[in-house]
C-alpha atoms as a PDB file:
ATOM      1  CA  UNK A   1       0.000   0.000   0.000  1.00  0.00           C
ATOM      2  CA  UNK A   2       1.572   3.283  -1.113  1.00  0.00           C
ATOM      3  CA  UNK A   3      -0.811   5.692   0.588  1.00  0.00           C
ATOM      4  CA  UNK A   4      -2.799   5.627   3.781  1.00  0.00           C
ATOM      5  CA  UNK A   5      -5.966   7.661   4.193  1.00  0.00           C
ATOM      6  CA  UNK A   6      -6.822   9.444   7.433  1.00  0.00           C
ATOM      7  CA  UNK A   7     -10.391   9.042   8.542  1.00  0.00           C
ATOM      8  CA  UNK A   8     -12.460  10.926  11.061  1.00  0.00           C
ATOM      9  CA  UNK A   9     -15.029   8.559  12.486  1.00  0.00           C
ATOM     10  CA  UNK A  10     -18.388   9.820  13.604  1.00  0.00           C
ATOM     11  CA  UNK A  11     -21.709   8.095  14.262  1.00  0.00           C
ATOM     12  CA  UNK A  12     -23.388  10.184  11.557  1.00  0.00           C
ATOM     13  CA  UNK A  13     -20.849   9.201   8.927  1.00  0.00           C
ATOM     14  CA  UNK A  14     -20.772   5.525   9.821  1.00  0.00           C
ATOM     15  CA  UNK A  15     -17.625   4.251   8.118  1.00  0.00           C
ATOM     16  CA  UNK A  16     -15.700   7.536   8.423  1.00  0.00           C
ATOM     17  CA  UNK A  17     -14.844  10.469   6.231  1.00  0.00           C
ATOM     18  CA  UNK A  18     -11.578  10.978   4.356  1.00  0.00           C
ATOM     19  CA  UNK A  19      -9.843  14.142   5.540  1.00  0.00           C
ATOM     20  CA  UNK A  20      -6.520  13.783   3.793  1.00  0.00           C
ATOM     21  CA  UNK A  21      -4.232  11.395   2.018  1.00  0.00           C
ATOM     22  CA  UNK A  22      -1.097  10.436   3.919  1.00  0.00           C
ATOM     23  CA  UNK A  23       1.876   9.064   1.989  1.00  0.00           C
ATOM     24  CA  UNK A  24       2.916   6.708   4.796  1.00  0.00           C
ATOM     25  CA  UNK A  25       6.258   6.254   6.543  1.00  0.00           C
ATOM     26  CA  UNK A  26       8.295   4.938   3.618  1.00  0.00           C
ATOM     27  CA  UNK A  27      11.790   6.357   3.189  1.00  0.00           C
ATOM     28  CA  UNK A  28      10.840   8.188  -0.030  1.00  0.00           C
ATOM     29  CA  UNK A  29       7.885   9.873   1.694  1.00  0.00           C
ATOM     30  CA  UNK A  30       9.907  11.248   4.607  1.00  0.00           C
ATOM     31  CA  UNK A  31      10.698  14.949   4.760  1.00  0.00           C
ATOM     32  CA  UNK A  32      14.478  15.462   4.759  1.00  0.00           C
ATOM     33  CA  UNK A  33      14.807  11.690   4.892  1.00  0.00           C
ATOM     34  CA  UNK A  34      13.823  11.514   8.549  1.00  0.00           C
ATOM     35  CA  UNK A  35      10.516  13.216   9.407  1.00  0.00           C
ATOM     36  CA  UNK A  36       6.940  12.324   8.557  1.00  0.00           C
ATOM     37  CA  UNK A  37       5.605  14.672   5.925  1.00  0.00           C
ATOM     38  CA  UNK A  38       3.017  17.244   6.927  1.00  0.00           C
ATOM     39  CA  UNK A  39      -0.176  16.651   4.987  1.00  0.00           C
ATOM     40  CA  UNK A  40      -2.528  19.168   6.572  1.00  0.00           C
ATOM     41  CA  UNK A  41      -2.028  22.627   7.989  1.00  0.00           C
ATOM     42  CA  UNK A  42      -3.703  22.615  11.396  1.00  0.00           C
ATOM     43  CA  UNK A  43      -4.780  26.200  10.748  1.00  0.00           C
ATOM     44  CA  UNK A  44      -7.231  24.743   8.216  1.00  0.00           C
ATOM     45  CA  UNK A  45      -8.999  22.839  10.982  1.00  0.00           C
ATOM     46  CA  UNK A  46      -9.133  25.954  13.167  1.00  0.00           C
ATOM     47  CA  UNK A  47     -10.445  28.100  10.311  1.00  0.00           C
ATOM     48  CA  UNK A  48     -13.059  25.516   9.401  1.00  0.00           C
ATOM     49  CA  UNK A  49     -14.347  25.216  12.970  1.00  0.00           C
ATOM     50  CA  UNK A  50     -14.468  28.987  13.447  1.00  0.00           C
ATOM     51  CA  UNK A  51     -16.242  29.412  10.110  1.00  0.00           C
ATOM     52  CA  UNK A  52     -18.696  26.493  10.230  1.00  0.00           C
ATOM     53  CA  UNK A  53     -19.397  26.243  13.962  1.00  0.00           C
ATOM     54  CA  UNK A  54     -19.115  29.842  15.139  1.00  0.00           C
ATOM     55  CA  UNK A  55     -20.212  31.445  11.882  1.00  0.00           C
ATOM     56  CA  UNK A  56     -17.258  33.805  11.479  1.00  0.00           C
ATOM     57  CA  UNK A  57     -16.938  35.241   7.982  1.00  0.00           C
ATOM     58  CA  UNK A  58     -13.934  34.207   5.926  1.00  0.00           C
ATOM     59  CA  UNK A  59     -12.980  37.864   5.517  1.00  0.00           C
ATOM     60  CA  UNK A  60     -12.831  38.251   9.306  1.00  0.00           C
ATOM     61  CA  UNK A  61     -10.823  35.044   9.699  1.00  0.00           C
ATOM     62  CA  UNK A  62      -8.291  36.176   7.092  1.00  0.00           C
ATOM     63  CA  UNK A  63      -7.978  39.619   8.651  1.00  0.00           C
ATOM     64  CA  UNK A  64      -8.109  38.909  12.404  1.00  0.00           C
ATOM     65  CA  UNK A  65      -7.284  35.262  13.044  1.00  0.00           C
ATOM     66  CA  UNK A  66      -4.703  34.216  10.438  1.00  0.00           C
ATOM     67  CA  UNK A  67      -3.636  37.319   8.457  1.00  0.00           C
ATOM     68  CA  UNK A  68      -1.123  35.204   6.525  1.00  0.00           C
ATOM     69  CA  UNK A  69      -3.607  32.399   5.839  1.00  0.00           C
ATOM     70  CA  UNK A  70      -5.571  33.689   2.852  1.00  0.00           C
ATOM     71  CA  UNK A  71      -4.335  30.712   0.800  1.00  0.00           C
ATOM     72  CA  UNK A  72      -5.696  28.171   3.334  1.00  0.00           C
ATOM     73  CA  UNK A  73      -8.734  26.239   2.172  1.00  0.00           C
ATOM     74  CA  UNK A  74     -11.666  25.526   4.459  1.00  0.00           C
ATOM     75  CA  UNK A  75     -12.267  21.829   5.047  1.00  0.00           C
ATOM     76  CA  UNK A  76     -15.759  20.969   3.820  1.00  0.00           C
ATOM     77  CA  UNK A  77     -18.087  19.011   6.080  1.00  0.00           C
ATOM     78  CA  UNK A  78     -15.604  18.896   8.942  1.00  0.00           C
ATOM     79  CA  UNK A  79     -18.386  19.308  11.486  1.00  0.00           C
ATOM     80  CA  UNK A  80     -21.494  17.206  11.320  1.00  0.00           C
END
C-alpha cells in the first residue's frame, strides 16, 4: 500500500470520512529523509471550525485570526 488515508469517524458518517491522504512512513515519503511529511495545515482545521461552527466570515478570519492564511482552504463538512 503506497498511501494511507486518514479518517475521522463519527456516528453520523458511519464508516468515516476521508480528511486527507497520507503518503505513509516509507523512506521516499519522509521529509528530509527523517521526518513524517506534513499533509494538513492545522490552521485549516481551526479556520473551518471557526467558520462552520461559530459562523465567522472568511474575511474576518483572514484579517483577524490568520492574516497570513488567505491561501488556506476551508475543510468541507468537517463538522457534522
